[in-house]
């Protein structure tokens, strides 16, 4: 399992960002 783990790439990261102007008028 250690050999298998060492050969793997890090998992990709999914980012989600949302913004609104409702709070600033």
PDBML (XML) file of the C-alpha atoms, coordinates in Angstrom:
<?xml version="1.0" encoding="UTF-8" ?>
<PDBx:datablock datablockName="MODEL"
   xmlns:PDBx="http://pdbml.pdb.org/schema/pdbx-v50.xsd"
   xmlns:xsi="http://www.w3.org/2001/XMLSchema-instance"
   xsi:schemaLocation="http://pdbml.pdb.org/schema/pdbx-v50.xsd pdbx-v50.xsd">
   <PDBx:atom_siteCategory>
      <PDBx:atom_site id="1">
         <PDBx:B_iso_or_equiv>0.00</PDBx:B_iso_or_equiv>
         <PDBx:Cartn_x>0.000</PDBx:Cartn_x>
         <PDBx:Cartn_y>0.000</PDBx:Cartn_y>
         <PDBx:Cartn_z>0.000</PDBx:Cartn_z>
         <PDBx:auth_asym_id>A</PDBx:auth_asym_id>
         <PDBx:auth_atom_id>CA</PDBx:auth_atom_id>
         <PDBx:auth_comp_id>UNK</PDBx:auth_comp_id>
         <PDBx:auth_seq_id>1</PDBx:auth_seq_id>
         <PDBx:group_PDB>ATOM</PDBx:group_PDB>
         <PDBx:label_alt_id xsi:nil="true" />
         <PDBx:label_asym_id>A</PDBx:label_asym_id>
         <PDBx:label_atom_id>CA</PDBx:label_atom_id>
         <PDBx:label_comp_id>UNK</PDBx:label_comp_id>
         <PDBx:label_entity_id>1</PDBx:label_entity_id>
         <PDBx:label_seq_id>1</PDBx:label_seq_id>
         <PDBx:occupancy>1.00</PDBx:occupancy>
         <PDBx:pdbx_PDB_model_num>1</PDBx:pdbx_PDB_model_num>
         <PDBx:type_symbol>C</PDBx:type_symbol>
      </PDBx:atom_site>
      <PDBx:atom_site id="2">
         <PDBx:B_iso_or_equiv>0.00</PDBx:B_iso_or_equiv>
         <PDBx:Cartn_x>2.901</PDBx:Cartn_x>
         <PDBx:Cartn_y>2.348</PDBx:Cartn_y>
         <PDBx:Cartn_z>0.711</PDBx:Cartn_z>
         <PDBx:auth_asym_id>A</PDBx:auth_asym_id>
         <PDBx:auth_atom_id>CA</PDBx:auth_atom_id>
         <PDBx:auth_comp_id>UNK</PDBx:auth_comp_id>
         <PDBx:auth_seq_id>2</PDBx:auth_seq_id>
         <PDBx:group_PDB>ATOM</PDBx:group_PDB>
         <PDBx:label_alt_id xsi:nil="true" />
         <PDBx:label_asym_id>A</PDBx:label_asym_id>
         <PDBx:label_atom_id>CA</PDBx:label_atom_id>
         <PDBx:label_comp_id>UNK</PDBx:label_comp_id>
         <PDBx:label_entity_id>1</PDBx:label_entity_id>
         <PDBx:label_seq_id>2</PDBx:label_seq_id>
         <PDBx:occupancy>1.00</PDBx:occupancy>
         <PDBx:pdbx_PDB_model_num>1</PDBx:pdbx_PDB_model_num>
         <PDBx:type_symbol>C</PDBx:type_symbol>
      </PDBx:atom_site>
      <PDBx:atom_site id="3">
         <PDBx:B_iso_or_equiv>0.00</PDBx:B_iso_or_equiv>
         <PDBx:Cartn_x>4.306</PDBx:Cartn_x>
         <PDBx:Cartn_y>1.735</PDBx:Cartn_y>
         <PDBx:Cartn_z>-2.779</PDBx:Cartn_z>
         <PDBx:auth_asym_id>A</PDBx:auth_asym_id>
         <PDBx:auth_atom_id>CA</PDBx:auth_atom_id>
         <PDBx:auth_comp_id>UNK</PDBx:auth_comp_id>
         <PDBx:auth_seq_id>3</PDBx:auth_seq_id>
         <PDBx:group_PDB>ATOM</PDBx:group_PDB>
         <PDBx:label_alt_id xsi:nil="true" />
         <PDBx:label_asym_id>A</PDBx:label_asym_id>
         <PDBx:label_atom_id>CA</PDBx:label_atom_id>
         <PDBx:label_comp_id>UNK</PDBx:label_comp_id>
         <PDBx:label_entity_id>1</PDBx:label_entity_id>
         <PDBx:label_seq_id>3</PDBx:label_seq_id>
         <PDBx:occupancy>1.00</PDBx:occupancy>
         <PDBx:pdbx_PDB_model_num>1</PDBx:pdbx_PDB_model_num>
         <PDBx:type_symbol>C</PDBx:type_symbol>
      </PDBx:atom_site>
      <PDBx:atom_site id="4">
         <PDBx:B_iso_or_equiv>0.00</PDBx:B_iso_or_equiv>
         <PDBx:Cartn_x>0.889</PDBx:Cartn_x>
         <PDBx:Cartn_y>2.359</PDBx:Cartn_y>
         <PDBx:Cartn_z>-4.308</PDBx:Cartn_z>
         <PDBx:auth_asym_id>A</PDBx:auth_asym_id>
         <PDBx:auth_atom_id>CA</PDBx:auth_atom_id>
         <PDBx:auth_comp_id>UNK</PDBx:auth_comp_id>
         <PDBx:auth_seq_id>4</PDBx:auth_seq_id>
         <PDBx:group_PDB>ATOM</PDBx:group_PDB>
         <PDBx:label_alt_id xsi:nil="true" />
         <PDBx:label_asym_id>A</PDBx:label_asym_id>
         <PDBx:label_atom_id>CA</PDBx:label_atom_id>
         <PDBx:label_comp_id>UNK</PDBx:label_comp_id>
         <PDBx:label_entity_id>1</PDBx:label_entity_id>
         <PDBx:label_seq_id>4</PDBx:label_seq_id>
         <PDBx:occupancy>1.00</PDBx:occupancy>
         <PDBx:pdbx_PDB_model_num>1</PDBx:pdbx_PDB_model_num>
         <PDBx:type_symbol>C</PDBx:type_symbol>
      </PDBx:atom_site>
      <PDBx:atom_site id="5">
         <PDBx:B_iso_or_equiv>0.00</PDBx:B_iso_or_equiv>
         <PDBx:Cartn_x>0.418</PDBx:Cartn_x>
         <PDBx:Cartn_y>5.546</PDBx:Cartn_y>
         <PDBx:Cartn_z>-2.300</PDBx:Cartn_z>
         <PDBx:auth_asym_id>A</PDBx:auth_asym_id>
         <PDBx:auth_atom_id>CA</PDBx:auth_atom_id>
         <PDBx:auth_comp_id>UNK</PDBx:auth_comp_id>
         <PDBx:auth_seq_id>5</PDBx:auth_seq_id>
         <PDBx:group_PDB>ATOM</PDBx:group_PDB>
         <PDBx:label_alt_id xsi:nil="true" />
         <PDBx:label_asym_id>A</PDBx:label_asym_id>
         <PDBx:label_atom_id>CA</PDBx:label_atom_id>
         <PDBx:label_comp_id>UNK</PDBx:label_comp_id>
         <PDBx:label_entity_id>1</PDBx:label_entity_id>
         <PDBx:label_seq_id>5</PDBx:label_seq_id>
         <PDBx:occupancy>1.00</PDBx:occupancy>
         <PDBx:pdbx_PDB_model_num>1</PDBx:pdbx_PDB_model_num>
         <PDBx:type_symbol>C</PDBx:type_symbol>
      </PDBx:atom_site>
      <PDBx:atom_site id="6">
         <PDBx:B_iso_or_equiv>0.00</PDBx:B_iso_or_equiv>
         <PDBx:Cartn_x>3.874</PDBx:Cartn_x>
         <PDBx:Cartn_y>6.854</PDBx:Cartn_y>
         <PDBx:Cartn_z>-3.230</PDBx:Cartn_z>
         <PDBx:auth_asym_id>A</PDBx:auth_asym_id>
         <PDBx:auth_atom_id>CA</PDBx:auth_atom_id>
         <PDBx:auth_comp_id>UNK</PDBx:auth_comp_id>
         <PDBx:auth_seq_id>6</PDBx:auth_seq_id>
         <PDBx:group_PDB>ATOM</PDBx:group_PDB>
         <PDBx:label_alt_id xsi:nil="true" />
         <PDBx:label_asym_id>A</PDBx:label_asym_id>
         <PDBx:label_atom_id>CA</PDBx:label_atom_id>
         <PDBx:label_comp_id>UNK</PDBx:label_comp_id>
         <PDBx:label_entity_id>1</PDBx:label_entity_id>
         <PDBx:label_seq_id>6</PDBx:label_seq_id>
         <PDBx:occupancy>1.00</PDBx:occupancy>
         <PDBx:pdbx_PDB_model_num>1</PDBx:pdbx_PDB_model_num>
         <PDBx:type_symbol>C</PDBx:type_symbol>
      </PDBx:atom_site>
      <PDBx:atom_site id="7">
         <PDBx:B_iso_or_equiv>0.00</PDBx:B_iso_or_equiv>
         <PDBx:Cartn_x>3.115</PDBx:Cartn_x>
         <PDBx:Cartn_y>6.502</PDBx:Cartn_y>
         <PDBx:Cartn_z>-6.931</PDBx:Cartn_z>
         <PDBx:auth_asym_id>A</PDBx:auth_asym_id>
         <PDBx:auth_atom_id>CA</PDBx:auth_atom_id>
         <PDBx:auth_comp_id>UNK</PDBx:auth_comp_id>
         <PDBx:auth_seq_id>7</PDBx:auth_seq_id>
         <PDBx:group_PDB>ATOM</PDBx:group_PDB>
         <PDBx:label_alt_id xsi:nil="true" />
         <PDBx:label_asym_id>A</PDBx:label_asym_id>
         <PDBx:label_atom_id>CA</PDBx:label_atom_id>
         <PDBx:label_comp_id>UNK</PDBx:label_comp_id>
         <PDBx:label_entity_id>1</PDBx:label_entity_id>
         <PDBx:label_seq_id>7</PDBx:label_seq_id>
         <PDBx:occupancy>1.00</PDBx:occupancy>
         <PDBx:pdbx_PDB_model_num>1</PDBx:pdbx_PDB_model_num>
         <PDBx:type_symbol>C</PDBx:type_symbol>
      </PDBx:atom_site>
      <PDBx:atom_site id="8">
         <PDBx:B_iso_or_equiv>0.00</PDBx:B_iso_or_equiv>
         <PDBx:Cartn_x>-0.112</PDBx:Cartn_x>
         <PDBx:Cartn_y>8.521</PDBx:Cartn_y>
         <PDBx:Cartn_z>-6.838</PDBx:Cartn_z>
         <PDBx:auth_asym_id>A</PDBx:auth_asym_id>
         <PDBx:auth_atom_id>CA</PDBx:auth_atom_id>
         <PDBx:auth_comp_id>UNK</PDBx:auth_comp_id>
         <PDBx:auth_seq_id>8</PDBx:auth_seq_id>
         <PDBx:group_PDB>ATOM</PDBx:group_PDB>
         <PDBx:label_alt_id xsi:nil="true" />
         <PDBx:label_asym_id>A</PDBx:label_asym_id>
         <PDBx:label_atom_id>CA</PDBx:label_atom_id>
         <PDBx:label_comp_id>UNK</PDBx:label_comp_id>
         <PDBx:label_entity_id>1</PDBx:label_entity_id>
         <PDBx:label_seq_id>8</PDBx:label_seq_id>
         <PDBx:occupancy>1.00</PDBx:occupancy>
         <PDBx:pdbx_PDB_model_num>1</PDBx:pdbx_PDB_model_num>
         <PDBx:type_symbol>C</PDBx:type_symbol>
      </PDBx:atom_site>
      <PDBx:atom_site id="9">
         <PDBx:B_iso_or_equiv>0.00</PDBx:B_iso_or_equiv>
         <PDBx:Cartn_x>-0.468</PDBx:Cartn_x>
         <PDBx:Cartn_y>12.191</PDBx:Cartn_y>
         <PDBx:Cartn_z>-7.690</PDBx:Cartn_z>
         <PDBx:auth_asym_id>A</PDBx:auth_asym_id>
         <PDBx:auth_atom_id>CA</PDBx:auth_atom_id>
         <PDBx:auth_comp_id>UNK</PDBx:auth_comp_id>
         <PDBx:auth_seq_id>9</PDBx:auth_seq_id>
         <PDBx:group_PDB>ATOM</PDBx:group_PDB>
         <PDBx:label_alt_id xsi:nil="true" />
         <PDBx:label_asym_id>A</PDBx:label_asym_id>
         <PDBx:label_atom_id>CA</PDBx:label_atom_id>
         <PDBx:label_comp_id>UNK</PDBx:label_comp_id>
         <PDBx:label_entity_id>1</PDBx:label_entity_id>
         <PDBx:label_seq_id>9</PDBx:label_seq_id>
         <PDBx:occupancy>1.00</PDBx:occupancy>
         <PDBx:pdbx_PDB_model_num>1</PDBx:pdbx_PDB_model_num>
         <PDBx:type_symbol>C</PDBx:type_symbol>
      </PDBx:atom_site>
      <PDBx:atom_site id="10">
         <PDBx:B_iso_or_equiv>0.00</PDBx:B_iso_or_equiv>
         <PDBx:Cartn_x>-2.169</PDBx:Cartn_x>
         <PDBx:Cartn_y>14.513</PDBx:Cartn_y>
         <PDBx:Cartn_z>-5.169</PDBx:Cartn_z>
         <PDBx:auth_asym_id>A</PDBx:auth_asym_id>
         <PDBx:auth_atom_id>CA</PDBx:auth_atom_id>
         <PDBx:auth_comp_id>UNK</PDBx:auth_comp_id>
         <PDBx:auth_seq_id>10</PDBx:auth_seq_id>
         <PDBx:group_PDB>ATOM</PDBx:group_PDB>
         <PDBx:label_alt_id xsi:nil="true" />
         <PDBx:label_asym_id>A</PDBx:label_asym_id>
         <PDBx:label_atom_id>CA</PDBx:label_atom_id>
         <PDBx:label_comp_id>UNK</PDBx:label_comp_id>
         <PDBx:label_entity_id>1</PDBx:label_entity_id>
         <PDBx:label_seq_id>10</PDBx:label_seq_id>
         <PDBx:occupancy>1.00</PDBx:occupancy>
         <PDBx:pdbx_PDB_model_num>1</PDBx:pdbx_PDB_model_num>
         <PDBx:type_symbol>C</PDBx:type_symbol>
      </PDBx:atom_site>
      <PDBx:atom_site id="11">
         <PDBx:B_iso_or_equiv>0.00</PDBx:B_iso_or_equiv>
         <PDBx:Cartn_x>-5.914</PDBx:Cartn_x>
         <PDBx:Cartn_y>14.836</PDBx:Cartn_y>
         <PDBx:Cartn_z>-5.671</PDBx:Cartn_z>
         <PDBx:auth_asym_id>A</PDBx:auth_asym_id>
         <PDBx:auth_atom_id>CA</PDBx:auth_atom_id>
         <PDBx:auth_comp_id>UNK</PDBx:auth_comp_id>
         <PDBx:auth_seq_id>11</PDBx:auth_seq_id>
         <PDBx:group_PDB>ATOM</PDBx:group_PDB>
         <PDBx:label_alt_id xsi:nil="true" />
         <PDBx:label_asym_id>A</PDBx:label_asym_id>
         <PDBx:label_atom_id>CA</PDBx:label_atom_id>
         <PDBx:label_comp_id>UNK</PDBx:label_comp_id>
         <PDBx:label_entity_id>1</PDBx:label_entity_id>
         <PDBx:label_seq_id>11</PDBx:label_seq_id>
         <PDBx:occupancy>1.00</PDBx:occupancy>
         <PDBx:pdbx_PDB_model_num>1</PDBx:pdbx_PDB_model_num>
         <PDBx:type_symbol>C</PDBx:type_symbol>
      </PDBx:atom_site>
      <PDBx:atom_site id="12">
         <PDBx:B_iso_or_equiv>0.00</PDBx:B_iso_or_equiv>
         <PDBx:Cartn_x>-7.081</PDBx:Cartn_x>
         <PDBx:Cartn_y>17.879</PDBx:Cartn_y>
         <PDBx:Cartn_z>-7.668</PDBx:Cartn_z>
         <PDBx:auth_asym_id>A</PDBx:auth_asym_id>
         <PDBx:auth_atom_id>CA</PDBx:auth_atom_id>
         <PDBx:auth_comp_id>UNK</PDBx:auth_comp_id>
         <PDBx:auth_seq_id>12</PDBx:auth_seq_id>
         <PDBx:group_PDB>ATOM</PDBx:group_PDB>
         <PDBx:label_alt_id xsi:nil="true" />
         <PDBx:label_asym_id>A</PDBx:label_asym_id>
         <PDBx:label_atom_id>CA</PDBx:label_atom_id>
         <PDBx:label_comp_id>UNK</PDBx:label_comp_id>
         <PDBx:label_entity_id>1</PDBx:label_entity_id>
         <PDBx:label_seq_id>12</PDBx:label_seq_id>
         <PDBx:occupancy>1.00</PDBx:occupancy>
         <PDBx:pdbx_PDB_model_num>1</PDBx:pdbx_PDB_model_num>
         <PDBx:type_symbol>C</PDBx:type_symbol>
      </PDBx:atom_site>
      <PDBx:atom_site id="13">
         <PDBx:B_iso_or_equiv>0.00</PDBx:B_iso_or_equiv>
         <PDBx:Cartn_x>-8.889</PDBx:Cartn_x>
         <PDBx:Cartn_y>20.657</PDBx:Cartn_y>
         <PDBx:Cartn_z>-5.837</PDBx:Cartn_z>
         <PDBx:auth_asym_id>A</PDBx:auth_asym_id>
         <PDBx:auth_atom_id>CA</PDBx:auth_atom_id>
         <PDBx:auth_comp_id>UNK</PDBx:auth_comp_id>
         <PDBx:auth_seq_id>13</PDBx:auth_seq_id>
         <PDBx:group_PDB>ATOM</PDBx:group_PDB>
         <PDBx:label_alt_id xsi:nil="true" />
         <PDBx:label_asym_id>A</PDBx:label_asym_id>
         <PDBx:label_atom_id>CA</PDBx:label_atom_id>
         <PDBx:label_comp_id>UNK</PDBx:label_comp_id>
         <PDBx:label_entity_id>1</PDBx:label_entity_id>
         <PDBx:label_seq_id>13</PDBx:label_seq_id>
         <PDBx:occupancy>1.00</PDBx:occupancy>
         <PDBx:pdbx_PDB_model_num>1</PDBx:pdbx_PDB_model_num>
         <PDBx:type_symbol>C</PDBx:type_symbol>
      </PDBx:atom_site>
      <PDBx:atom_site id="14">
         <PDBx:B_iso_or_equiv>0.00</PDBx:B_iso_or_equiv>
         <PDBx:Cartn_x>-12.248</PDBx:Cartn_x>
         <PDBx:Cartn_y>22.075</PDBx:Cartn_y>
         <PDBx:Cartn_z>-6.906</PDBx:Cartn_z>
         <PDBx:auth_asym_id>A</PDBx:auth_asym_id>
         <PDBx:auth_atom_id>CA</PDBx:auth_atom_id>
         <PDBx:auth_comp_id>UNK</PDBx:auth_comp_id>
         <PDBx:auth_seq_id>14</PDBx:auth_seq_id>
         <PDBx:group_PDB>ATOM</PDBx:group_PDB>
         <PDBx:label_alt_id xsi:nil="true" />
         <PDBx:label_asym_id>A</PDBx:label_asym_id>
         <PDBx:label_atom_id>CA</PDBx:label_atom_id>
         <PDBx:label_comp_id>UNK</PDBx:label_comp_id>
         <PDBx:label_entity_id>1</PDBx:label_entity_id>
         <PDBx:label_seq_id>14</PDBx:label_seq_id>
         <PDBx:occupancy>1.00</PDBx:occupancy>
         <PDBx:pdbx_PDB_model_num>1</PDBx:pdbx_PDB_model_num>
         <PDBx:type_symbol>C</PDBx:type_symbol>
      </PDBx:atom_site>
      <PDBx:atom_site id="15">
         <PDBx:B_iso_or_equiv>0.00</PDBx:B_iso_or_equiv>
         <PDBx:Cartn_x>-12.897</PDBx:Cartn_x>
         <PDBx:Cartn_y>25.716</PDBx:Cartn_y>
         <PDBx:Cartn_z>-5.928</PDBx:Cartn_z>
         <PDBx:auth_asym_id>A</PDBx:auth_asym_id>
         <PDBx:auth_atom_id>CA</PDBx:auth_atom_id>
         <PDBx:auth_comp_id>UNK</PDBx:auth_comp_id>
         <PDBx:auth_seq_id>15</PDBx:auth_seq_id>
         <PDBx:group_PDB>ATOM</PDBx:group_PDB>
         <PDBx:label_alt_id xsi:nil="true" />
         <PDBx:label_asym_id>A</PDBx:label_asym_id>
         <PDBx:label_atom_id>CA</PDBx:label_atom_id>
         <PDBx:label_comp_id>UNK</PDBx:label_comp_id>
         <PDBx:label_entity_id>1</PDBx:label_entity_id>
         <PDBx:label_seq_id>15</PDBx:label_seq_id>
         <PDBx:occupancy>1.00</PDBx:occupancy>
         <PDBx:pdbx_PDB_model_num>1</PDBx:pdbx_PDB_model_num>
         <PDBx:type_symbol>C</PDBx:type_symbol>
      </PDBx:atom_site>
      <PDBx:atom_site id="16">
         <PDBx:B_iso_or_equiv>0.00</PDBx:B_iso_or_equiv>
         <PDBx:Cartn_x>-16.239</PDBx:Cartn_x>
         <PDBx:Cartn_y>27.507</PDBx:Cartn_y>
         <PDBx:Cartn_z>-6.018</PDBx:Cartn_z>
         <PDBx:auth_asym_id>A</PDBx:auth_asym_id>
         <PDBx:auth_atom_id>CA</PDBx:auth_atom_id>
         <PDBx:auth_comp_id>UNK</PDBx:auth_comp_id>
         <PDBx:auth_seq_id>16</PDBx:auth_seq_id>
         <PDBx:group_PDB>ATOM</PDBx:group_PDB>
         <PDBx:label_alt_id xsi:nil="true" />
         <PDBx:label_asym_id>A</PDBx:label_asym_id>
         <PDBx:label_atom_id>CA</PDBx:label_atom_id>
         <PDBx:label_comp_id>UNK</PDBx:label_comp_id>
         <PDBx:label_entity_id>1</PDBx:label_entity_id>
         <PDBx:label_seq_id>16</PDBx:label_seq_id>
         <PDBx:occupancy>1.00</PDBx:occupancy>
         <PDBx:pdbx_PDB_model_num>1</PDBx:pdbx_PDB_model_num>
         <PDBx:type_symbol>C</PDBx:type_symbol>
      </PDBx:atom_site>
      <PDBx:atom_site id="17">
         <PDBx:B_iso_or_equiv>0.00</PDBx:B_iso_or_equiv>
         <PDBx:Cartn_x>-16.522</PDBx:Cartn_x>
         <PDBx:Cartn_y>31.225</PDBx:Cartn_y>
         <PDBx:Cartn_z>-5.306</PDBx:Cartn_z>
         <PDBx:auth_asym_id>A</PDBx:auth_asym_id>
         <PDBx:auth_atom_id>CA</PDBx:auth_atom_id>
         <PDBx:auth_comp_id>UNK</PDBx:auth_comp_id>
         <PDBx:auth_seq_id>17</PDBx:auth_seq_id>
         <PDBx:group_PDB>ATOM</PDBx:group_PDB>
         <PDBx:label_alt_id xsi:nil="true" />
         <PDBx:label_asym_id>A</PDBx:label_asym_id>
         <PDBx:label_atom_id>CA</PDBx:label_atom_id>
         <PDBx:label_comp_id>UNK</PDBx:label_comp_id>
         <PDBx:label_entity_id>1</PDBx:label_entity_id>
         <PDBx:label_seq_id>17</PDBx:label_seq_id>
         <PDBx:occupancy>1.00</PDBx:occupancy>
         <PDBx:pdbx_PDB_model_num>1</PDBx:pdbx_PDB_model_num>
         <PDBx:type_symbol>C</PDBx:type_symbol>
      </PDBx:atom_site>
      <PDBx:atom_site id="18">
         <PDBx:B_iso_or_equiv>0.00</PDBx:B_iso_or_equiv>
         <PDBx:Cartn_x>-19.705</PDBx:Cartn_x>
         <PDBx:Cartn_y>33.318</PDBx:Cartn_y>
         <PDBx:Cartn_z>-5.362</PDBx:Cartn_z>
         <PDBx:auth_asym_id>A</PDBx:auth_asym_id>
         <PDBx:auth_atom_id>CA</PDBx:auth_atom_id>
         <PDBx:auth_comp_id>UNK</PDBx:auth_comp_id>
         <PDBx:auth_seq_id>18</PDBx:auth_seq_id>
         <PDBx:group_PDB>ATOM</PDBx:group_PDB>
         <PDBx:label_alt_id xsi:nil="true" />
         <PDBx:label_asym_id>A</PDBx:label_asym_id>
         <PDBx:label_atom_id>CA</PDBx:label_atom_id>
         <PDBx:label_comp_id>UNK</PDBx:label_comp_id>
         <PDBx:label_entity_id>1</PDBx:label_entity_id>
         <PDBx:label_seq_id>18</PDBx:label_seq_id>
         <PDBx:occupancy>1.00</PDBx:occupancy>
         <PDBx:pdbx_PDB_model_num>1</PDBx:pdbx_PDB_model_num>
         <PDBx:type_symbol>C</PDBx:type_symbol>
      </PDBx:atom_site>
      <PDBx:atom_site id="19">
         <PDBx:B_iso_or_equiv>0.00</PDBx:B_iso_or_equiv>
         <PDBx:Cartn_x>-20.211</PDBx:Cartn_x>
         <PDBx:Cartn_y>37.024</PDBx:Cartn_y>
         <PDBx:Cartn_z>-4.593</PDBx:Cartn_z>
         <PDBx:auth_asym_id>A</PDBx:auth_asym_id>
         <PDBx:auth_atom_id>CA</PDBx:auth_atom_id>
         <PDBx:auth_comp_id>UNK</PDBx:auth_comp_id>
         <PDBx:auth_seq_id>19</PDBx:auth_seq_id>
         <PDBx:group_PDB>ATOM</PDBx:group_PDB>
         <PDBx:label_alt_id xsi:nil="true" />
         <PDBx:label_asym_id>A</PDBx:label_asym_id>
         <PDBx:label_atom_id>CA</PDBx:label_atom_id>
         <PDBx:label_comp_id>UNK</PDBx:label_comp_id>
         <PDBx:label_entity_id>1</PDBx:label_entity_id>
         <PDBx:label_seq_id>19</PDBx:label_seq_id>
         <PDBx:occupancy>1.00</PDBx:occupancy>
         <PDBx:pdbx_PDB_model_num>1</PDBx:pdbx_PDB_model_num>
         <PDBx:type_symbol>C</PDBx:type_symbol>
      </PDBx:atom_site>
      <PDBx:atom_site id="20">
         <PDBx:B_iso_or_equiv>0.00</PDBx:B_iso_or_equiv>
         <PDBx:Cartn_x>-23.186</PDBx:Cartn_x>
         <PDBx:Cartn_y>39.428</PDBx:Cartn_y>
         <PDBx:Cartn_z>-4.416</PDBx:Cartn_z>
         <PDBx:auth_asym_id>A</PDBx:auth_asym_id>
         <PDBx:auth_atom_id>CA</PDBx:auth_atom_id>
         <PDBx:auth_comp_id>UNK</PDBx:auth_comp_id>
         <PDBx:auth_seq_id>20</PDBx:auth_seq_id>
         <PDBx:group_PDB>ATOM</PDBx:group_PDB>
         <PDBx:label_alt_id xsi:nil="true" />
         <PDBx:label_asym_id>A</PDBx:label_asym_id>
         <PDBx:label_atom_id>CA</PDBx:label_atom_id>
         <PDBx:label_comp_id>UNK</PDBx:label_comp_id>
         <PDBx:label_entity_id>1</PDBx:label_entity_id>
         <PDBx:label_seq_id>20</PDBx:label_seq_id>
         <PDBx:occupancy>1.00</PDBx:occupancy>
         <PDBx:pdbx_PDB_model_num>1</PDBx:pdbx_PDB_model_num>
         <PDBx:type_symbol>C</PDBx:type_symbol>
      </PDBx:atom_site>
      <PDBx:atom_site id="21">
         <PDBx:B_iso_or_equiv>0.00</PDBx:B_iso_or_equiv>
         <PDBx:Cartn_x>-23.611</PDBx:Cartn_x>
         <PDBx:Cartn_y>43.174</PDBx:Cartn_y>
         <PDBx:Cartn_z>-4.076</PDBx:Cartn_z>
         <PDBx:auth_asym_id>A</PDBx:auth_asym_id>
         <PDBx:auth_atom_id>CA</PDBx:auth_atom_id>
         <PDBx:auth_comp_id>UNK</PDBx:auth_comp_id>
         <PDBx:auth_seq_id>21</PDBx:auth_seq_id>
         <PDBx:group_PDB>ATOM</PDBx:group_PDB>
         <PDBx:label_alt_id xsi:nil="true" />
         <PDBx:label_asym_id>A</PDBx:label_asym_id>
         <PDBx:label_atom_id>CA</PDBx:label_atom_id>
         <PDBx:label_comp_id>UNK</PDBx:label_comp_id>
         <PDBx:label_entity_id>1</PDBx:label_entity_id>
         <PDBx:label_seq_id>21</PDBx:label_seq_id>
         <PDBx:occupancy>1.00</PDBx:occupancy>
         <PDBx:pdbx_PDB_model_num>1</PDBx:pdbx_PDB_model_num>
         <PDBx:type_symbol>C</PDBx:type_symbol>
      </PDBx:atom_site>
      <PDBx:atom_site id="22">
         <PDBx:B_iso_or_equiv>0.00</PDBx:B_iso_or_equiv>
         <PDBx:Cartn_x>-26.919</PDBx:Cartn_x>
         <PDBx:Cartn_y>42.925</PDBx:Cartn_y>
         <PDBx:Cartn_z>-2.208</PDBx:Cartn_z>
         <PDBx:auth_asym_id>A</PDBx:auth_asym_id>
         <PDBx:auth_atom_id>CA</PDBx:auth_atom_id>
         <PDBx:auth_comp_id>UNK</PDBx:auth_comp_id>
         <PDBx:auth_seq_id>22</PDBx:auth_seq_id>
         <PDBx:group_PDB>ATOM</PDBx:group_PDB>
         <PDBx:label_alt_id xsi:nil="true" />
         <PDBx:label_asym_id>A</PDBx:label_asym_id>
         <PDBx:label_atom_id>CA</PDBx:label_atom_id>
         <PDBx:label_comp_id>UNK</PDBx:label_comp_id>
         <PDBx:label_entity_id>1</PDBx:label_entity_id>
         <PDBx:label_seq_id>22</PDBx:label_seq_id>
         <PDBx:occupancy>1.00</PDBx:occupancy>
         <PDBx:pdbx_PDB_model_num>1</PDBx:pdbx_PDB_model_num>
         <PDBx:type_symbol>C</PDBx:type_symbol>
      </PDBx:atom_site>
      <PDBx:atom_site id="23">
         <PDBx:B_iso_or_equiv>0.00</PDBx:B_iso_or_equiv>
         <PDBx:Cartn_x>-25.249</PDBx:Cartn_x>
         <PDBx:Cartn_y>43.678</PDBx:Cartn_y>
         <PDBx:Cartn_z>1.099</PDBx:Cartn_z>
         <PDBx:auth_asym_id>A</PDBx:auth_asym_id>
         <PDBx:auth_atom_id>CA</PDBx:auth_atom_id>
         <PDBx:auth_comp_id>UNK</PDBx:auth_comp_id>
         <PDBx:auth_seq_id>23</PDBx:auth_seq_id>
         <PDBx:group_PDB>ATOM</PDBx:group_PDB>
         <PDBx:label_alt_id xsi:nil="true" />
         <PDBx:label_asym_id>A</PDBx:label_asym_id>
         <PDBx:label_atom_id>CA</PDBx:label_atom_id>
         <PDBx:label_comp_id>UNK</PDBx:label_comp_id>
         <PDBx:label_entity_id>1</PDBx:label_entity_id>
         <PDBx:label_seq_id>23</PDBx:label_seq_id>
         <PDBx:occupancy>1.00</PDBx:occupancy>
         <PDBx:pdbx_PDB_model_num>1</PDBx:pdbx_PDB_model_num>
         <PDBx:type_symbol>C</PDBx:type_symbol>
      </PDBx:atom_site>
      <PDBx:atom_site id="24">
         <PDBx:B_iso_or_equiv>0.00</PDBx:B_iso_or_equiv>
         <PDBx:Cartn_x>-23.571</PDBx:Cartn_x>
         <PDBx:Cartn_y>46.817</PDBx:Cartn_y>
         <PDBx:Cartn_z>-0.272</PDBx:Cartn_z>
         <PDBx:auth_asym_id>A</PDBx:auth_asym_id>
         <PDBx:auth_atom_id>CA</PDBx:auth_atom_id>
         <PDBx:auth_comp_id>UNK</PDBx:auth_comp_id>
         <PDBx:auth_seq_id>24</PDBx:auth_seq_id>
         <PDBx:group_PDB>ATOM</PDBx:group_PDB>
         <PDBx:label_alt_id xsi:nil="true" />
         <PDBx:label_asym_id>A</PDBx:label_asym_id>
         <PDBx:label_atom_id>CA</PDBx:label_atom_id>
         <PDBx:label_comp_id>UNK</PDBx:label_comp_id>
         <PDBx:label_entity_id>1</PDBx:label_entity_id>
         <PDBx:label_seq_id>24</PDBx:label_seq_id>
         <PDBx:occupancy>1.00</PDBx:occupancy>
         <PDBx:pdbx_PDB_model_num>1</PDBx:pdbx_PDB_model_num>
         <PDBx:type_symbol>C</PDBx:type_symbol>
      </PDBx:atom_site>
      <PDBx:atom_site id="25">
         <PDBx:B_iso_or_equiv>0.00</PDBx:B_iso_or_equiv>
         <PDBx:Cartn_x>-26.584</PDBx:Cartn_x>
         <PDBx:Cartn_y>48.287</PDBx:Cartn_y>
         <PDBx:Cartn_z>-2.089</PDBx:Cartn_z>
         <PDBx:auth_asym_id>A</PDBx:auth_asym_id>
         <PDBx:auth_atom_id>CA</PDBx:auth_atom_id>
         <PDBx:auth_comp_id>UNK</PDBx:auth_comp_id>
         <PDBx:auth_seq_id>25</PDBx:auth_seq_id>
         <PDBx:group_PDB>ATOM</PDBx:group_PDB>
         <PDBx:label_alt_id xsi:nil="true" />
         <PDBx:label_asym_id>A</PDBx:label_asym_id>
         <PDBx:label_atom_id>CA</PDBx:label_atom_id>
         <PDBx:label_comp_id>UNK</PDBx:label_comp_id>
         <PDBx:label_entity_id>1</PDBx:label_entity_id>
         <PDBx:label_seq_id>25</PDBx:label_seq_id>
         <PDBx:occupancy>1.00</PDBx:occupancy>
         <PDBx:pdbx_PDB_model_num>1</PDBx:pdbx_PDB_model_num>
         <PDBx:type_symbol>C</PDBx:type_symbol>
      </PDBx:atom_site>
   </PDBx:atom_siteCategory>
</PDBx:datablock>
